[in-house]
N, C-alpha and C. Protein backbone atom coordinates (compact mmCIF):
# COMPACT_ATOMS: atom_id res chain seq x y z
N MET A 1 0.83 -1.21 0.00
CA MET A 1 0.00 0.00 0.00
C MET A 1 0.86 1.26 0.00
N PHE A 2 1.96 1.21 0.76
CA PHE A 2 2.88 2.33 0.84
C PHE A 2 3.43 2.69 -0.54
N LYS A 3 3.79 1.65 -1.32
CA LYS A 3 4.36 1.87 -2.64
C LYS A 3 3.35 2.41 -3.64
N ASN A 4 2.06 2.25 -3.33
CA ASN A 4 1.04 2.77 -4.24
C ASN A 4 1.00 4.29 -4.25
N PHE A 5 1.51 4.91 -3.20
CA PHE A 5 1.45 6.37 -3.09
C PHE A 5 2.80 7.05 -3.24
N ILE A 6 3.88 6.36 -2.90
CA ILE A 6 5.21 6.95 -3.00
C ILE A 6 6.03 6.19 -4.04
N ASN A 7 6.50 6.93 -5.02
CA ASN A 7 7.22 6.33 -6.14
C ASN A 7 8.73 6.46 -5.91
N ILE A 8 9.28 5.56 -5.11
CA ILE A 8 10.71 5.56 -4.82
C ILE A 8 11.31 4.24 -5.26
N GLY A 9 12.37 4.32 -6.02
CA GLY A 9 13.04 3.11 -6.49
C GLY A 9 14.53 3.34 -6.63
N PHE A 10 15.22 2.32 -7.08
CA PHE A 10 16.67 2.43 -7.27
C PHE A 10 16.93 3.00 -8.66
N ASN A 11 16.71 4.31 -8.80
CA ASN A 11 16.89 4.99 -10.08
C ASN A 11 17.38 6.41 -9.85
N ILE A 12 17.89 7.01 -10.90
CA ILE A 12 18.48 8.34 -10.78
C ILE A 12 17.45 9.39 -10.40
N GLU A 13 16.20 9.22 -10.85
CA GLU A 13 15.16 10.19 -10.53
C GLU A 13 14.88 10.22 -9.03
N SER A 14 14.76 9.05 -8.42
CA SER A 14 14.52 8.98 -6.97
C SER A 14 15.70 9.58 -6.20
N PHE A 15 16.90 9.23 -6.62
CA PHE A 15 18.09 9.72 -5.93
C PHE A 15 18.18 11.24 -5.99
N ILE A 16 18.02 11.81 -7.18
CA ILE A 16 18.11 13.26 -7.33
C ILE A 16 17.02 13.96 -6.53
N SER A 17 15.80 13.44 -6.59
CA SER A 17 14.69 14.06 -5.87
C SER A 17 14.92 14.06 -4.36
N ILE A 18 15.28 12.91 -3.81
CA ILE A 18 15.46 12.80 -2.36
C ILE A 18 16.69 13.58 -1.90
N PHE A 19 17.78 13.46 -2.65
CA PHE A 19 19.00 14.18 -2.30
C PHE A 19 18.77 15.69 -2.34
N GLY A 20 18.06 16.16 -3.38
CA GLY A 20 17.76 17.58 -3.49
C GLY A 20 16.91 18.09 -2.33
N ILE A 21 15.93 17.29 -1.94
CA ILE A 21 15.06 17.67 -0.81
C ILE A 21 15.87 17.76 0.48
N LEU A 22 16.74 16.78 0.72
CA LEU A 22 17.54 16.76 1.95
C LEU A 22 18.49 17.95 2.01
N ILE A 23 19.17 18.23 0.90
CA ILE A 23 20.09 19.37 0.86
C ILE A 23 19.32 20.67 1.08
N GLY A 24 18.18 20.79 0.40
CA GLY A 24 17.36 21.99 0.56
C GLY A 24 16.88 22.17 1.99
N LEU A 25 16.50 21.08 2.64
CA LEU A 25 16.03 21.15 4.02
C LEU A 25 17.14 21.60 4.96
N VAL A 26 18.34 21.08 4.76
CA VAL A 26 19.49 21.48 5.59
C VAL A 26 19.78 22.96 5.43
N VAL A 27 19.81 23.43 4.18
CA VAL A 27 20.09 24.85 3.92
C VAL A 27 18.99 25.73 4.51
N LEU A 28 17.74 25.30 4.38
CA LEU A 28 16.63 26.07 4.95
C LEU A 28 16.78 26.21 6.46
N ILE A 29 17.13 25.14 7.14
CA ILE A 29 17.32 25.19 8.59
C ILE A 29 18.40 26.20 8.96
N LEU A 30 19.49 26.22 8.19
CA LEU A 30 20.58 27.17 8.45
C LEU A 30 20.09 28.61 8.31
N PHE A 31 19.26 28.87 7.31
CA PHE A 31 18.74 30.22 7.12
C PHE A 31 17.74 30.59 8.20
N LEU A 32 16.92 29.64 8.61
CA LEU A 32 15.95 29.91 9.67
C LEU A 32 16.65 30.22 10.99
N LYS A 33 17.83 29.65 11.19
CA LYS A 33 18.59 29.95 12.39
C LYS A 33 19.10 31.39 12.38
N LEU A 34 19.34 31.92 11.18
CA LEU A 34 19.78 33.32 11.07
C LEU A 34 18.67 34.26 11.51
N ASN A 35 17.48 34.04 10.95
CA ASN A 35 16.30 34.81 11.33
C ASN A 35 15.08 34.11 10.73
N TRP A 36 14.36 33.38 11.57
CA TRP A 36 13.27 32.55 11.04
C TRP A 36 12.11 33.38 10.51
N LYS A 37 11.92 34.58 11.03
CA LYS A 37 10.81 35.40 10.55
C LYS A 37 11.08 35.95 9.15
N LYS A 38 12.23 36.57 8.96
CA LYS A 38 12.55 37.21 7.68
C LYS A 38 12.80 36.18 6.59
N TYR A 39 13.73 35.27 6.85
CA TYR A 39 14.04 34.27 5.82
C TYR A 39 12.92 33.25 5.68
N GLY A 40 12.19 33.01 6.76
CA GLY A 40 11.03 32.12 6.67
C GLY A 40 9.95 32.70 5.78
N LEU A 41 9.70 34.00 5.93
CA LEU A 41 8.70 34.66 5.09
C LEU A 41 9.13 34.66 3.63
N LEU A 42 10.40 34.95 3.37
CA LEU A 42 10.90 34.94 2.00
C LEU A 42 10.80 33.55 1.40
N PHE A 43 11.10 32.54 2.18
CA PHE A 43 11.00 31.15 1.71
C PHE A 43 9.55 30.81 1.36
N ILE A 44 8.62 31.14 2.24
CA ILE A 44 7.21 30.82 2.02
C ILE A 44 6.68 31.52 0.77
N LEU A 45 7.00 32.81 0.62
CA LEU A 45 6.52 33.56 -0.55
C LEU A 45 7.08 32.99 -1.85
N SER A 46 8.38 32.72 -1.87
CA SER A 46 8.99 32.20 -3.10
C SER A 46 8.52 30.78 -3.39
N ALA A 47 8.27 29.99 -2.35
CA ALA A 47 7.75 28.64 -2.55
C ALA A 47 6.33 28.68 -3.10
N LEU A 48 5.50 29.57 -2.56
CA LEU A 48 4.13 29.71 -3.05
C LEU A 48 4.11 30.14 -4.51
N VAL A 49 4.86 31.19 -4.83
CA VAL A 49 4.88 31.70 -6.21
C VAL A 49 5.47 30.66 -7.15
N GLY A 50 6.56 30.02 -6.75
CA GLY A 50 7.19 29.01 -7.59
C GLY A 50 6.27 27.84 -7.89
N ASN A 51 5.57 27.35 -6.88
CA ASN A 51 4.67 26.22 -7.08
C ASN A 51 3.42 26.61 -7.86
N ILE A 52 2.91 27.82 -7.63
CA ILE A 52 1.74 28.28 -8.38
C ILE A 52 2.09 28.43 -9.86
N LEU A 53 3.24 29.04 -10.15
CA LEU A 53 3.67 29.18 -11.54
C LEU A 53 3.85 27.82 -12.20
N CYS A 54 4.49 26.90 -11.47
CA CYS A 54 4.70 25.56 -12.01
C CYS A 54 3.37 24.87 -12.29
N TYR A 55 2.44 24.99 -11.37
CA TYR A 55 1.12 24.38 -11.55
C TYR A 55 0.41 24.95 -12.78
N ILE A 56 0.47 26.26 -12.94
CA ILE A 56 -0.17 26.90 -14.10
C ILE A 56 0.46 26.39 -15.39
N PHE A 57 1.78 26.33 -15.44
CA PHE A 57 2.47 25.89 -16.65
C PHE A 57 2.17 24.43 -16.97
N VAL A 58 2.04 23.60 -15.94
CA VAL A 58 1.69 22.20 -16.16
C VAL A 58 0.27 22.08 -16.69
N LYS A 59 -0.66 22.83 -16.09
CA LYS A 59 -2.05 22.79 -16.54
C LYS A 59 -2.20 23.32 -17.96
N LEU A 60 -1.33 24.25 -18.35
CA LEU A 60 -1.36 24.77 -19.72
C LEU A 60 -0.62 23.85 -20.69
N ASN A 61 -0.10 22.75 -20.15
CA ASN A 61 0.61 21.75 -20.95
C ASN A 61 1.90 22.28 -21.56
N PHE A 62 2.55 23.23 -20.86
CA PHE A 62 3.83 23.74 -21.33
C PHE A 62 4.93 22.70 -21.10
N TYR A 63 4.88 22.05 -19.95
CA TYR A 63 5.81 20.96 -19.67
C TYR A 63 5.15 19.99 -18.70
N SER A 64 5.79 18.86 -18.50
CA SER A 64 5.23 17.83 -17.62
C SER A 64 6.35 17.15 -16.85
N PHE A 65 5.97 16.33 -15.89
CA PHE A 65 6.93 15.63 -15.04
C PHE A 65 6.60 14.14 -15.06
N PRO A 66 7.24 13.38 -15.97
CA PRO A 66 6.94 11.94 -16.07
C PRO A 66 7.18 11.17 -14.78
N TYR A 67 8.21 11.58 -14.02
CA TYR A 67 8.50 10.92 -12.75
C TYR A 67 8.09 11.84 -11.60
N LEU A 68 7.30 11.31 -10.68
CA LEU A 68 6.88 12.06 -9.49
C LEU A 68 7.02 11.18 -8.26
N LEU A 69 7.38 11.79 -7.13
CA LEU A 69 7.47 11.04 -5.89
C LEU A 69 6.09 10.59 -5.41
N PHE A 70 5.08 11.42 -5.68
CA PHE A 70 3.70 11.11 -5.25
C PHE A 70 2.76 11.19 -6.46
N PRO A 71 2.88 10.26 -7.39
CA PRO A 71 2.12 10.34 -8.65
C PRO A 71 0.62 10.20 -8.49
N LYS A 72 0.16 9.60 -7.40
CA LYS A 72 -1.27 9.39 -7.20
C LYS A 72 -2.00 10.66 -6.78
N ILE A 73 -1.26 11.59 -6.18
CA ILE A 73 -1.93 12.77 -5.62
C ILE A 73 -1.44 14.09 -6.19
N LEU A 74 -0.34 14.09 -6.95
CA LEU A 74 0.20 15.35 -7.47
C LEU A 74 0.46 15.25 -8.97
N ILE A 75 0.41 16.40 -9.64
CA ILE A 75 0.74 16.45 -11.07
C ILE A 75 2.08 17.14 -11.29
N MET A 76 2.73 17.52 -10.20
CA MET A 76 4.01 18.22 -10.27
C MET A 76 4.83 17.86 -9.03
N PRO A 77 6.16 18.00 -9.11
CA PRO A 77 7.01 17.65 -7.97
C PRO A 77 7.01 18.74 -6.90
N LEU A 78 5.95 18.79 -6.13
CA LEU A 78 5.74 19.85 -5.14
C LEU A 78 6.90 19.98 -4.16
N THR A 79 7.31 18.86 -3.58
CA THR A 79 8.37 18.91 -2.56
C THR A 79 9.72 19.29 -3.15
N PRO A 80 10.17 18.67 -4.26
CA PRO A 80 11.45 19.10 -4.84
C PRO A 80 11.47 20.57 -5.25
N ILE A 81 10.36 21.06 -5.80
CA ILE A 81 10.31 22.47 -6.19
C ILE A 81 10.40 23.36 -4.96
N THR A 82 9.69 22.99 -3.91
CA THR A 82 9.69 23.78 -2.68
C THR A 82 11.08 23.88 -2.07
N PHE A 83 11.88 22.82 -2.21
CA PHE A 83 13.21 22.83 -1.60
C PHE A 83 14.33 23.06 -2.61
N SER A 84 13.99 23.63 -3.77
CA SER A 84 15.04 23.96 -4.74
C SER A 84 15.04 25.45 -5.06
N PHE A 85 14.07 25.91 -5.84
CA PHE A 85 14.05 27.32 -6.24
C PHE A 85 14.01 28.29 -5.05
N PRO A 86 13.16 28.09 -4.06
CA PRO A 86 13.16 29.00 -2.91
C PRO A 86 14.47 29.01 -2.14
N ILE A 87 15.15 27.87 -2.09
CA ILE A 87 16.44 27.81 -1.41
C ILE A 87 17.47 28.64 -2.17
N ILE A 88 17.44 28.56 -3.49
CA ILE A 88 18.34 29.38 -4.30
C ILE A 88 18.04 30.86 -4.07
N VAL A 89 16.75 31.19 -3.93
CA VAL A 89 16.36 32.58 -3.64
C VAL A 89 17.00 33.05 -2.33
N LEU A 90 16.92 32.24 -1.29
CA LEU A 90 17.50 32.61 0.00
C LEU A 90 19.00 32.86 -0.11
N ILE A 91 19.69 31.96 -0.79
CA ILE A 91 21.14 32.10 -0.96
C ILE A 91 21.47 33.34 -1.77
N ALA A 92 20.72 33.54 -2.86
CA ALA A 92 20.98 34.68 -3.74
C ALA A 92 20.74 36.00 -3.04
N VAL A 93 19.64 36.10 -2.30
CA VAL A 93 19.32 37.35 -1.60
C VAL A 93 20.37 37.65 -0.54
N ARG A 94 20.81 36.65 0.17
CA ARG A 94 21.80 36.88 1.24
C ARG A 94 23.15 37.34 0.68
N TYR A 95 23.57 36.77 -0.45
CA TYR A 95 24.93 37.02 -0.92
C TYR A 95 25.03 37.92 -2.15
N SER A 96 23.92 38.37 -2.71
CA SER A 96 24.00 39.21 -3.90
C SER A 96 24.67 40.55 -3.58
N PRO A 97 25.48 41.08 -4.50
CA PRO A 97 26.16 42.37 -4.28
C PRO A 97 25.15 43.49 -4.03
N ASN A 98 25.62 44.55 -3.42
CA ASN A 98 24.73 45.67 -3.08
C ASN A 98 24.23 46.44 -4.30
N HIS A 99 25.10 46.64 -5.29
CA HIS A 99 24.76 47.48 -6.44
C HIS A 99 24.24 46.63 -7.60
N TRP A 100 23.21 47.17 -8.27
CA TRP A 100 22.58 46.42 -9.36
C TRP A 100 23.53 46.14 -10.51
N GLY A 101 24.51 47.00 -10.70
CA GLY A 101 25.49 46.74 -11.76
C GLY A 101 26.26 45.46 -11.55
N TRP A 102 26.38 45.05 -10.28
CA TRP A 102 27.07 43.80 -9.96
C TRP A 102 26.10 42.65 -9.72
N LYS A 103 24.84 42.98 -9.44
CA LYS A 103 23.84 41.93 -9.26
C LYS A 103 23.59 41.18 -10.57
N ILE A 104 23.66 41.90 -11.69
CA ILE A 104 23.35 41.27 -12.98
C ILE A 104 24.29 40.12 -13.29
N PRO A 105 25.63 40.29 -13.26
CA PRO A 105 26.49 39.12 -13.51
C PRO A 105 26.34 38.04 -12.45
N PHE A 106 26.01 38.44 -11.21
CA PHE A 106 25.78 37.47 -10.14
C PHE A 106 24.59 36.58 -10.48
N TYR A 107 23.47 37.19 -10.86
CA TYR A 107 22.29 36.41 -11.21
C TYR A 107 22.44 35.73 -12.57
N TRP A 108 23.18 36.33 -13.45
CA TRP A 108 23.46 35.72 -14.74
C TRP A 108 24.13 34.36 -14.52
N THR A 109 25.07 34.33 -13.60
CA THR A 109 25.76 33.08 -13.28
C THR A 109 24.81 32.05 -12.68
N ILE A 110 23.96 32.50 -11.75
CA ILE A 110 22.99 31.59 -11.13
C ILE A 110 22.05 31.00 -12.17
N VAL A 111 21.53 31.86 -13.04
CA VAL A 111 20.59 31.40 -14.07
C VAL A 111 21.27 30.40 -15.01
N HIS A 112 22.50 30.66 -15.40
CA HIS A 112 23.19 29.76 -16.33
C HIS A 112 23.49 28.41 -15.68
N VAL A 113 23.88 28.42 -14.41
CA VAL A 113 24.10 27.15 -13.71
C VAL A 113 22.78 26.39 -13.60
N GLY A 114 21.71 27.11 -13.25
CA GLY A 114 20.40 26.49 -13.14
C GLY A 114 19.92 25.90 -14.45
N MET A 115 20.10 26.65 -15.55
CA MET A 115 19.66 26.16 -16.85
C MET A 115 20.51 24.97 -17.32
N PHE A 116 21.78 24.97 -16.94
CA PHE A 116 22.63 23.82 -17.27
C PHE A 116 22.05 22.55 -16.65
N TRP A 117 21.70 22.62 -15.36
CA TRP A 117 21.18 21.44 -14.68
C TRP A 117 19.78 21.08 -15.15
N GLU A 118 18.97 22.10 -15.46
CA GLU A 118 17.64 21.79 -15.98
C GLU A 118 17.74 21.06 -17.32
N THR A 119 18.65 21.52 -18.18
CA THR A 119 18.83 20.88 -19.48
C THR A 119 19.39 19.47 -19.32
N TRP A 120 20.30 19.30 -18.36
CA TRP A 120 20.84 17.97 -18.11
C TRP A 120 19.73 17.03 -17.64
N LEU A 121 18.88 17.50 -16.74
CA LEU A 121 17.75 16.69 -16.26
C LEU A 121 16.79 16.37 -17.40
N LEU A 122 16.58 17.35 -18.27
CA LEU A 122 15.68 17.16 -19.41
C LEU A 122 16.18 16.05 -20.34
N GLU A 123 17.49 16.03 -20.57
CA GLU A 123 18.07 15.10 -21.53
C GLU A 123 18.39 13.73 -20.94
N ASN A 124 18.59 13.66 -19.63
CA ASN A 124 19.11 12.43 -19.04
C ASN A 124 18.21 11.75 -18.01
N THR A 125 17.09 12.38 -17.68
CA THR A 125 16.19 11.79 -16.68
C THR A 125 14.74 11.94 -17.13
N ARG A 126 13.85 11.39 -16.32
CA ARG A 126 12.41 11.54 -16.56
C ARG A 126 11.79 12.56 -15.60
N LEU A 127 12.63 13.43 -15.05
CA LEU A 127 12.13 14.39 -14.07
C LEU A 127 11.35 15.53 -14.71
N ILE A 128 11.68 15.90 -15.94
CA ILE A 128 10.97 16.98 -16.62
C ILE A 128 10.94 16.71 -18.12
N GLU A 129 9.89 17.16 -18.75
CA GLU A 129 9.73 16.99 -20.20
C GLU A 129 9.06 18.22 -20.77
N TYR A 130 9.71 18.86 -21.74
CA TYR A 130 9.11 20.02 -22.41
C TYR A 130 8.06 19.54 -23.40
N ASN A 131 6.95 20.26 -23.46
CA ASN A 131 5.96 19.99 -24.48
C ASN A 131 6.10 21.01 -25.61
N PHE A 132 5.26 20.89 -26.63
CA PHE A 132 5.49 21.66 -27.85
C PHE A 132 5.38 23.16 -27.64
N LYS A 133 4.73 23.61 -26.57
CA LYS A 133 4.56 25.04 -26.32
C LYS A 133 5.69 25.64 -25.48
N TRP A 134 6.65 24.84 -25.13
CA TRP A 134 7.70 25.30 -24.21
C TRP A 134 9.07 24.91 -24.75
N ASP A 135 10.07 25.76 -24.56
CA ASP A 135 11.41 25.41 -25.00
C ASP A 135 12.45 26.01 -24.06
N PHE A 136 13.70 25.87 -24.45
CA PHE A 136 14.84 26.33 -23.65
C PHE A 136 14.72 27.81 -23.29
N TRP A 137 14.35 28.63 -24.26
CA TRP A 137 14.30 30.08 -24.03
C TRP A 137 13.17 30.48 -23.10
N ASP A 138 12.08 29.74 -23.12
CA ASP A 138 10.99 30.02 -22.17
C ASP A 138 11.48 29.81 -20.74
N SER A 139 12.16 28.69 -20.50
CA SER A 139 12.70 28.43 -19.17
C SER A 139 13.71 29.49 -18.77
N TYR A 140 14.59 29.82 -19.70
CA TYR A 140 15.64 30.81 -19.43
C TYR A 140 15.03 32.14 -19.02
N THR A 141 14.00 32.56 -19.73
CA THR A 141 13.32 33.83 -19.43
C THR A 141 12.69 33.80 -18.05
N TRP A 142 12.01 32.70 -17.73
CA TRP A 142 11.32 32.64 -16.44
C TRP A 142 12.29 32.48 -15.28
N TRP A 143 13.43 31.88 -15.47
CA TRP A 143 14.46 31.87 -14.42
C TRP A 143 14.83 33.31 -14.07
N TRP A 144 15.08 34.12 -15.09
CA TRP A 144 15.44 35.52 -14.87
C TRP A 144 14.32 36.26 -14.15
N ILE A 145 13.11 36.15 -14.64
CA ILE A 145 11.97 36.86 -14.05
C ILE A 145 11.81 36.49 -12.58
N PHE A 146 11.82 35.20 -12.30
CA PHE A 146 11.58 34.72 -10.94
C PHE A 146 12.64 35.25 -9.97
N PHE A 147 13.90 35.11 -10.33
CA PHE A 147 14.95 35.49 -9.38
C PHE A 147 15.12 37.00 -9.25
N LEU A 148 14.90 37.74 -10.31
CA LEU A 148 15.00 39.20 -10.19
C LEU A 148 13.84 39.76 -9.36
N ILE A 149 12.66 39.19 -9.52
CA ILE A 149 11.52 39.63 -8.69
C ILE A 149 11.81 39.37 -7.22
N PHE A 150 12.34 38.20 -6.91
CA PHE A 150 12.58 37.89 -5.50
C PHE A 150 13.86 38.53 -4.96
N GLU A 151 14.74 38.98 -5.83
CA GLU A 151 15.83 39.85 -5.36
C GLU A 151 15.24 41.15 -4.84
N TRP A 152 14.27 41.68 -5.57
CA TRP A 152 13.60 42.92 -5.15
C TRP A 152 12.77 42.68 -3.88
N VAL A 153 11.99 41.60 -3.87
CA VAL A 153 11.18 41.27 -2.69
C VAL A 153 12.09 41.01 -1.48
N GLY A 154 13.16 40.27 -1.70
CA GLY A 154 14.09 39.98 -0.62
C GLY A 154 14.73 41.24 -0.05
N GLY A 155 14.97 42.22 -0.92
CA GLY A 155 15.52 43.48 -0.45
C GLY A 155 14.57 44.22 0.48
N ILE A 156 13.28 43.98 0.31
CA ILE A 156 12.27 44.60 1.17
C ILE A 156 12.14 43.84 2.49
N ILE A 157 12.17 42.51 2.41
CA ILE A 157 11.93 41.67 3.59
C ILE A 157 13.16 41.54 4.48
N VAL A 158 14.31 41.27 3.86
CA VAL A 158 15.53 40.97 4.62
C VAL A 158 16.36 42.24 4.78
N PRO A 159 16.57 42.71 6.01
CA PRO A 159 17.36 43.92 6.24
C PRO A 159 18.85 43.70 5.96
N GLU A 160 19.58 44.79 5.82
CA GLU A 160 20.99 44.73 5.48
C GLU A 160 21.81 43.92 6.48
N ASN A 161 21.45 44.01 7.76
CA ASN A 161 22.25 43.32 8.78
C ASN A 161 22.11 41.79 8.71
N LEU A 162 21.11 41.31 7.96
CA LEU A 162 20.94 39.86 7.79
C LEU A 162 21.45 39.37 6.44
N ARG A 163 22.05 40.30 5.68
CA ARG A 163 22.59 39.93 4.38
C ARG A 163 24.12 39.96 4.46
N LYS A 164 24.73 39.25 3.56
CA LYS A 164 26.20 39.20 3.53
C LYS A 164 26.65 39.31 2.08
N PRO A 165 26.47 40.50 1.48
CA PRO A 165 26.77 40.67 0.06
C PRO A 165 28.23 40.39 -0.28
N ILE A 166 28.42 39.79 -1.43
CA ILE A 166 29.78 39.53 -1.92
C ILE A 166 30.51 40.85 -2.09
N ASN A 167 31.74 40.89 -1.66
CA ASN A 167 32.57 42.08 -1.84
C ASN A 167 32.84 42.29 -3.33
N ILE A 168 32.45 43.43 -3.85
CA ILE A 168 32.59 43.67 -5.29
C ILE A 168 34.05 43.67 -5.73
N GLN A 169 34.95 43.89 -4.79
CA GLN A 169 36.37 43.85 -5.15
C GLN A 169 36.77 42.46 -5.66
N SER A 170 36.10 41.43 -5.14
CA SER A 170 36.41 40.06 -5.56
C SER A 170 35.85 39.75 -6.94
N LEU A 171 35.01 40.65 -7.47
CA LEU A 171 34.42 40.44 -8.79
C LEU A 171 35.12 41.26 -9.88
N ARG A 172 36.07 42.06 -9.48
CA ARG A 172 36.77 42.89 -10.46
C ARG A 172 37.78 42.08 -11.25
N PHE A 173 38.23 42.65 -12.37
CA PHE A 173 39.12 41.97 -13.30
C PHE A 173 40.34 41.38 -12.58
N GLY A 174 40.59 40.12 -12.85
CA GLY A 174 41.76 39.45 -12.30
C GLY A 174 41.53 38.77 -10.96
N LYS A 175 40.39 39.03 -10.33
CA LYS A 175 40.10 38.43 -9.03
C LYS A 175 39.41 37.07 -9.20
N LEU A 176 39.36 36.30 -8.11
CA LEU A 176 38.79 34.95 -8.17
C LEU A 176 37.33 34.96 -8.60
N GLY A 177 36.54 35.88 -8.03
CA GLY A 177 35.13 35.97 -8.39
C GLY A 177 34.94 36.25 -9.87
N TRP A 178 35.75 37.15 -10.39
CA TRP A 178 35.70 37.48 -11.83
C TRP A 178 35.99 36.23 -12.66
N ALA A 179 37.02 35.47 -12.25
CA ALA A 179 37.40 34.27 -12.99
C ALA A 179 36.30 33.22 -12.95
N ILE A 180 35.69 33.03 -11.79
CA ILE A 180 34.62 32.03 -11.65
C ILE A 180 33.43 32.39 -12.52
N ILE A 181 32.99 33.65 -12.43
CA ILE A 181 31.84 34.09 -13.22
C ILE A 181 32.10 33.92 -14.71
N HIS A 182 33.27 34.36 -15.18
CA HIS A 182 33.56 34.25 -16.61
C HIS A 182 33.72 32.81 -17.06
N PHE A 183 34.29 31.97 -16.22
CA PHE A 183 34.42 30.56 -16.57
C PHE A 183 33.04 29.92 -16.73
N ILE A 184 32.16 30.16 -15.76
CA ILE A 184 30.81 29.58 -15.81
C ILE A 184 30.05 30.08 -17.02
N LEU A 185 30.09 31.39 -17.26
CA LEU A 185 29.33 31.96 -18.37
C LEU A 185 29.86 31.47 -19.72
N ILE A 186 31.17 31.44 -19.89
CA ILE A 186 31.75 31.00 -21.17
C ILE A 186 31.40 29.54 -21.44
N VAL A 187 31.58 28.69 -20.43
CA VAL A 187 31.30 27.26 -20.60
C VAL A 187 29.82 27.00 -20.87
N THR A 188 28.94 27.64 -20.08
CA THR A 188 27.50 27.39 -20.25
C THR A 188 26.96 27.98 -21.55
N ILE A 189 27.50 29.12 -21.98
CA ILE A 189 27.07 29.69 -23.27
C ILE A 189 27.50 28.77 -24.41
N PHE A 190 28.71 28.25 -24.33
CA PHE A 190 29.18 27.30 -25.35
C PHE A 190 28.30 26.05 -25.37
N LEU A 191 28.05 25.48 -24.19
CA LEU A 191 27.23 24.27 -24.11
C LEU A 191 25.79 24.54 -24.55
N GLY A 192 25.27 25.72 -24.17
CA GLY A 192 23.92 26.08 -24.58
C GLY A 192 23.81 26.21 -26.09
N GLY A 193 24.82 26.84 -26.71
CA GLY A 193 24.83 26.96 -28.17
C GLY A 193 24.92 25.61 -28.85
N TYR A 194 25.76 24.75 -28.29
CA TYR A 194 25.90 23.40 -28.84
C TYR A 194 24.58 22.63 -28.73
N TYR A 195 23.94 22.75 -27.56
CA TYR A 195 22.67 22.05 -27.33
C TYR A 195 21.59 22.54 -28.30
N LEU A 196 21.44 23.86 -28.41
CA LEU A 196 20.41 24.41 -29.30
C LEU A 196 20.70 24.08 -30.75
N GLY A 197 21.99 24.06 -31.11
CA GLY A 197 22.35 23.73 -32.49
C GLY A 197 22.10 22.28 -32.84
N SER A 198 22.05 21.42 -31.82
CA SER A 198 21.84 19.99 -32.06
C SER A 198 20.37 19.61 -32.12
N LEU A 199 19.47 20.55 -31.79
CA LEU A 199 18.04 20.23 -31.79
C LEU A 199 17.51 20.08 -33.21
């Protein structure tokens, strides 16, 4: 009876889903220890918006999720989504640079890393499947919209004393942050171009 409701097996989909939930839960606890009211509110808001958007897109048949942990009761991976995108929001809001001129490459890097893993999951697992109304650029656009909106919301909810923005000096030419950002962007742009060219 237990197996009729929970779809867990010895497969990559189960492993990624459970591992992602556990990591997300640990990170969430760490943020709640910093300030459970502020970061808790930001987590709840981003989780609500993220799941509502996902539900709408699934109902519109933009994409689907062939593998689900609870296939009998859900049409989307509610728990993995709750412990993935909102957790990234918490991390991004806490560490994003103070000035918008530096926030853009910071979020650009986050979006590209996220899209890399989404594309990998799309091609190598049954966790997500694009339908004919949805493609790579739709996901890319909505990653940007979601995280920039919650950067703004997070700036309202989370005060400066609870944030730890990256020192912009580490992002300047020749510094480690600069090297990391450029490495990620160059590699993901190359891989993205290769992927789109192979479709």
